[in-house]
């Protein structure tokens, strides 16, 4: 009889730990279907799924939809799996080695010139570019339209 009581106690204790582990969960955004490299992520591409809270603590995964919407997949993202932070990036508007437009604007004066990008960059990032005529290297911030604005 004592053995039966110990077994029941052990089962009840295990069940309570299981509930505690389930209570310590977090909802993470995951792909609804496979997202291929180069694809932009939208709200419709994501659903929420529960994971143990340690998943977000142990691995560098995105925890909010806002971190992902508008980003571009760098690698294949599988349905139902957490999305690693390094698996997405801002959309590249300026590509290394390709021509770009550099804009300088101050007090009504606007200068636009052709440059060669020395780095890839998305909206808001700083990139180095080279003036194709003089060879001079300058830095500027990539704008939403793909131009590069020199800030003084």
C-alpha atoms as a PDB file:
ATOM      1  CA  UNK A   1       0.000   0.000   0.000  1.00  0.00           C
ATOM      2  CA  UNK A   2       2.827   2.382   0.850  1.00  0.00           C
ATOM      3  CA  UNK A   3       4.418   1.678  -2.527  1.00  0.00           C
ATOM      4  CA  UNK A   4       1.159   2.610  -4.284  1.00  0.00           C
ATOM      5  CA  UNK A   5       0.970   5.914  -2.392  1.00  0.00           C
ATOM      6  CA  UNK A   6       4.583   6.755  -3.298  1.00  0.00           C
ATOM      7  CA  UNK A   7       3.925   5.958  -6.959  1.00  0.00           C
ATOM      8  CA  UNK A   8       0.790   8.131  -6.995  1.00  0.00           C
ATOM      9  CA  UNK A   9       2.672  10.952  -5.264  1.00  0.00           C
ATOM     10  CA  UNK A  10       5.465  10.709  -7.814  1.00  0.00           C
ATOM     11  CA  UNK A  11       2.963  10.830 -10.680  1.00  0.00           C
ATOM     12  CA  UNK A  12       1.186  13.865  -9.199  1.00  0.00           C
ATOM     13  CA  UNK A  13       4.521  15.613  -8.651  1.00  0.00           C
ATOM     14  CA  UNK A  14       5.618  14.883 -12.246  1.00  0.00           C
ATOM     15  CA  UNK A  15       2.289  16.165 -13.561  1.00  0.00           C
ATOM     16  CA  UNK A  16       2.647  19.405 -11.608  1.00  0.00           C
ATOM     17  CA  UNK A  17       6.177  19.923 -13.005  1.00  0.00           C
ATOM     18  CA  UNK A  18       4.841  19.291 -16.503  1.00  0.00           C
ATOM     19  CA  UNK A  19       2.182  21.982 -16.015  1.00  0.00           C
ATOM     20  CA  UNK A  20       4.801  24.391 -14.685  1.00  0.00           C
ATOM     21  CA  UNK A  21       6.958  23.765 -17.743  1.00  0.00           C
ATOM     22  CA  UNK A  22       3.952  24.334 -20.005  1.00  0.00           C
ATOM     23  CA  UNK A  23       3.092  27.562 -18.135  1.00  0.00           C
ATOM     24  CA  UNK A  24       6.656  28.800 -18.737  1.00  0.00           C
ATOM     25  CA  UNK A  25       6.159  29.093 -22.475  1.00  0.00           C
ATOM     26  CA  UNK A  26       6.475  31.903 -24.979  1.00  0.00           C
ATOM     27  CA  UNK A  27       4.717  32.535 -28.278  1.00  0.00           C
ATOM     28  CA  UNK A  28       7.121  33.080 -31.156  1.00  0.00           C
ATOM     29  CA  UNK A  29       6.404  34.084 -34.747  1.00  0.00           C
ATOM     30  CA  UNK A  30       7.037  31.228 -37.185  1.00  0.00           C
ATOM     31  CA  UNK A  31       6.544  30.875 -40.941  1.00  0.00           C
ATOM     32  CA  UNK A  32       3.093  29.666 -42.032  1.00  0.00           C
ATOM     33  CA  UNK A  33       4.712  28.011 -45.073  1.00  0.00           C
ATOM     34  CA  UNK A  34       8.257  27.719 -46.424  1.00  0.00           C
ATOM     35  CA  UNK A  35       9.860  31.127 -47.063  1.00  0.00           C
ATOM     36  CA  UNK A  36      12.628  31.026 -49.656  1.00  0.00           C
ATOM     37  CA  UNK A  37      15.843  33.099 -49.640  1.00  0.00           C
ATOM     38  CA  UNK A  38      15.306  36.583 -51.080  1.00  0.00           C
ATOM     39  CA  UNK A  39      11.581  36.632 -50.250  1.00  0.00           C
ATOM     40  CA  UNK A  40      10.198  39.573 -48.302  1.00  0.00           C
ATOM     41  CA  UNK A  41       8.326  38.560 -45.138  1.00  0.00           C
ATOM     42  CA  UNK A  42       4.772  39.870 -44.637  1.00  0.00           C
ATOM     43  CA  UNK A  43       2.220  39.556 -41.798  1.00  0.00           C
ATOM     44  CA  UNK A  44       0.402  36.857 -43.792  1.00  0.00           C
ATOM     45  CA  UNK A  45       3.563  34.713 -43.870  1.00  0.00           C
ATOM     46  CA  UNK A  46       3.690  34.421 -40.069  1.00  0.00           C
ATOM     47  CA  UNK A  47       1.704  32.673 -37.348  1.00  0.00           C
ATOM     48  CA  UNK A  48       2.303  32.389 -33.592  1.00  0.00           C
ATOM     49  CA  UNK A  49       3.348  29.098 -31.970  1.00  0.00           C
ATOM     50  CA  UNK A  50       4.118  28.225 -28.352  1.00  0.00           C
ATOM     51  CA  UNK A  51       7.609  27.132 -27.370  1.00  0.00           C
ATOM     52  CA  UNK A  52       9.299  26.567 -24.010  1.00  0.00           C
ATOM     53  CA  UNK A  53      10.575  29.912 -22.714  1.00  0.00           C
ATOM     54  CA  UNK A  54      14.139  28.593 -22.781  1.00  0.00           C
ATOM     55  CA  UNK A  55      13.936  28.445 -26.597  1.00  0.00           C
ATOM     56  CA  UNK A  56      14.035  32.234 -26.851  1.00  0.00           C
ATOM     57  CA  UNK A  57      16.679  32.443 -24.124  1.00  0.00           C
ATOM     58  CA  UNK A  58      19.033  29.765 -25.505  1.00  0.00           C
ATOM     59  CA  UNK A  59      18.826  30.612 -29.180  1.00  0.00           C
ATOM     60  CA  UNK A  60      18.968  33.993 -30.917  1.00  0.00           C
ATOM     61  CA  UNK A  61      15.482  33.893 -32.456  1.00  0.00           C
ATOM     62  CA  UNK A  62      13.039  36.664 -33.354  1.00  0.00           C
ATOM     63  CA  UNK A  63      10.437  37.113 -30.631  1.00  0.00           C
ATOM     64  CA  UNK A  64       8.083  39.658 -32.254  1.00  0.00           C
ATOM     65  CA  UNK A  65       6.418  39.914 -35.662  1.00  0.00           C
ATOM     66  CA  UNK A  66       7.534  43.540 -35.922  1.00  0.00           C
ATOM     67  CA  UNK A  67      11.159  42.385 -36.092  1.00  0.00           C
ATOM     68  CA  UNK A  68      10.386  40.288 -39.169  1.00  0.00           C
ATOM     69  CA  UNK A  69       7.774  42.057 -41.309  1.00  0.00           C
ATOM     70  CA  UNK A  70       9.475  43.811 -44.225  1.00  0.00           C
ATOM     71  CA  UNK A  71      12.710  41.884 -43.774  1.00  0.00           C
ATOM     72  CA  UNK A  72      14.125  39.528 -46.423  1.00  0.00           C
ATOM     73  CA  UNK A  73      14.982  35.880 -45.774  1.00  0.00           C
ATOM     74  CA  UNK A  74      18.701  35.139 -46.107  1.00  0.00           C
ATOM     75  CA  UNK A  75      18.078  31.384 -46.101  1.00  0.00           C
ATOM     76  CA  UNK A  76      15.128  28.991 -46.308  1.00  0.00           C
ATOM     77  CA  UNK A  77      12.766  29.408 -43.344  1.00  0.00           C
ATOM     78  CA  UNK A  78      10.773  26.283 -42.504  1.00  0.00           C
ATOM     79  CA  UNK A  79       7.117  26.266 -41.414  1.00  0.00           C
ATOM     80  CA  UNK A  80       6.530  26.081 -37.672  1.00  0.00           C
ATOM     81  CA  UNK A  81      10.192  26.671 -36.773  1.00  0.00           C
ATOM     82  CA  UNK A  82      11.480  29.727 -34.842  1.00  0.00           C
ATOM     83  CA  UNK A  83      13.268  32.237 -37.069  1.00  0.00           C
ATOM     84  CA  UNK A  84      16.927  32.896 -36.168  1.00  0.00           C
ATOM     85  CA  UNK A  85      17.842  36.583 -36.001  1.00  0.00           C
ATOM     86  CA  UNK A  86      20.704  36.042 -38.465  1.00  0.00           C
ATOM     87  CA  UNK A  87      18.371  34.363 -41.001  1.00  0.00           C
ATOM     88  CA  UNK A  88      16.787  37.681 -42.033  1.00  0.00           C
ATOM     89  CA  UNK A  89      18.132  41.033 -43.176  1.00  0.00           C
ATOM     90  CA  UNK A  90      16.918  44.405 -44.348  1.00  0.00           C
ATOM     91  CA  UNK A  91      16.112  44.544 -48.020  1.00  0.00           C
ATOM     92  CA  UNK A  92      19.318  45.395 -49.904  1.00  0.00           C
ATOM     93  CA  UNK A  93      18.791  48.597 -51.901  1.00  0.00           C
ATOM     94  CA  UNK A  94      22.450  49.262 -52.725  1.00  0.00           C
ATOM     95  CA  UNK A  95      24.686  46.426 -53.939  1.00  0.00           C
ATOM     96  CA  UNK A  96      28.470  46.318 -53.771  1.00  0.00           C
ATOM     97  CA  UNK A  97      30.117  46.987 -57.132  1.00  0.00           C
ATOM     98  CA  UNK A  98      26.970  48.374 -58.717  1.00  0.00           C
ATOM     99  CA  UNK A  99      26.273  51.997 -59.665  1.00  0.00           C
ATOM    100  CA  UNK A 100      24.303  54.161 -57.255  1.00  0.00           C
ATOM    101  CA  UNK A 101      23.268  57.795 -56.912  1.00  0.00           C
ATOM    102  CA  UNK A 102      24.861  59.964 -54.236  1.00  0.00           C
ATOM    103  CA  UNK A 103      22.909  63.045 -53.148  1.00  0.00           C
ATOM    104  CA  UNK A 104      24.338  66.030 -51.277  1.00  0.00           C
ATOM    105  CA  UNK A 105      21.852  68.676 -50.195  1.00  0.00           C
ATOM    106  CA  UNK A 106      22.473  71.838 -48.193  1.00  0.00           C
ATOM    107  CA  UNK A 107      20.664  75.201 -48.095  1.00  0.00           C
ATOM    108  CA  UNK A 108      18.871  74.691 -51.414  1.00  0.00           C
ATOM    109  CA  UNK A 109      21.952  73.358 -53.211  1.00  0.00           C
ATOM    110  CA  UNK A 110      21.498  69.793 -54.492  1.00  0.00           C
ATOM    111  CA  UNK A 111      24.357  67.812 -56.043  1.00  0.00           C
ATOM    112  CA  UNK A 112      23.674  64.353 -57.499  1.00  0.00           C
ATOM    113  CA  UNK A 113      26.478  62.163 -58.800  1.00  0.00           C
ATOM    114  CA  UNK A 114      27.090  58.639 -60.005  1.00  0.00           C
ATOM    115  CA  UNK A 115      29.071  56.478 -57.553  1.00  0.00           C
ATOM    116  CA  UNK A 116      30.074  52.856 -57.162  1.00  0.00           C
ATOM    117  CA  UNK A 117      28.883  51.158 -53.974  1.00  0.00           C
ATOM    118  CA  UNK A 118      31.657  49.545 -51.938  1.00  0.00           C
ATOM    119  CA  UNK A 119      29.198  47.793 -49.607  1.00  0.00           C
ATOM    120  CA  UNK A 120      25.693  46.345 -49.636  1.00  0.00           C
ATOM    121  CA  UNK A 121      23.150  48.366 -47.714  1.00  0.00           C
ATOM    122  CA  UNK A 122      19.487  48.569 -46.816  1.00  0.00           C
ATOM    123  CA  UNK A 123      17.402  51.603 -45.920  1.00  0.00           C
ATOM    124  CA  UNK A 124      18.967  53.464 -42.998  1.00  0.00           C
ATOM    125  CA  UNK A 125      22.373  51.818 -43.134  1.00  0.00           C
ATOM    126  CA  UNK A 126      25.636  53.659 -43.786  1.00  0.00           C
ATOM    127  CA  UNK A 127      27.657  52.553 -46.811  1.00  0.00           C
ATOM    128  CA  UNK A 128      30.941  53.607 -48.360  1.00  0.00           C
ATOM    129  CA  UNK A 129      30.899  54.621 -52.029  1.00  0.00           C
ATOM    130  CA  UNK A 130      33.521  55.711 -54.552  1.00  0.00           C
ATOM    131  CA  UNK A 131      33.107  58.636 -56.935  1.00  0.00           C
ATOM    132  CA  UNK A 132      33.595  57.094 -60.378  1.00  0.00           C
ATOM    133  CA  UNK A 133      35.267  60.258 -61.749  1.00  0.00           C
ATOM    134  CA  UNK A 134      37.666  61.230 -58.947  1.00  0.00           C
ATOM    135  CA  UNK A 135      38.065  57.913 -57.096  1.00  0.00           C
ATOM    136  CA  UNK A 136      37.310  59.649 -53.774  1.00  0.00           C
ATOM    137  CA  UNK A 137      35.597  57.457 -51.156  1.00  0.00           C
ATOM    138  CA  UNK A 138      32.785  58.911 -49.033  1.00  0.00           C
ATOM    139  CA  UNK A 139      30.100  57.501 -46.732  1.00  0.00           C
ATOM    140  CA  UNK A 140      26.391  58.123 -46.737  1.00  0.00           C
ATOM    141  CA  UNK A 141      23.090  56.805 -45.458  1.00  0.00           C
ATOM    142  CA  UNK A 142      20.926  54.687 -47.793  1.00  0.00           C
ATOM    143  CA  UNK A 143      17.470  56.204 -48.311  1.00  0.00           C
ATOM    144  CA  UNK A 144      14.209  54.308 -48.882  1.00  0.00           C
ATOM    145  CA  UNK A 145      14.392  55.106 -52.618  1.00  0.00           C
ATOM    146  CA  UNK A 146      17.895  53.580 -52.946  1.00  0.00           C
ATOM    147  CA  UNK A 147      19.806  56.857 -53.185  1.00  0.00           C
ATOM    148  CA  UNK A 148      22.660  57.562 -50.801  1.00  0.00           C
ATOM    149  CA  UNK A 149      22.545  60.828 -48.888  1.00  0.00           C
ATOM    150  CA  UNK A 150      25.712  62.462 -47.624  1.00  0.00           C
ATOM    151  CA  UNK A 151      25.154  63.955 -44.193  1.00  0.00           C
ATOM    152  CA  UNK A 152      27.290  66.806 -42.942  1.00  0.00           C
END
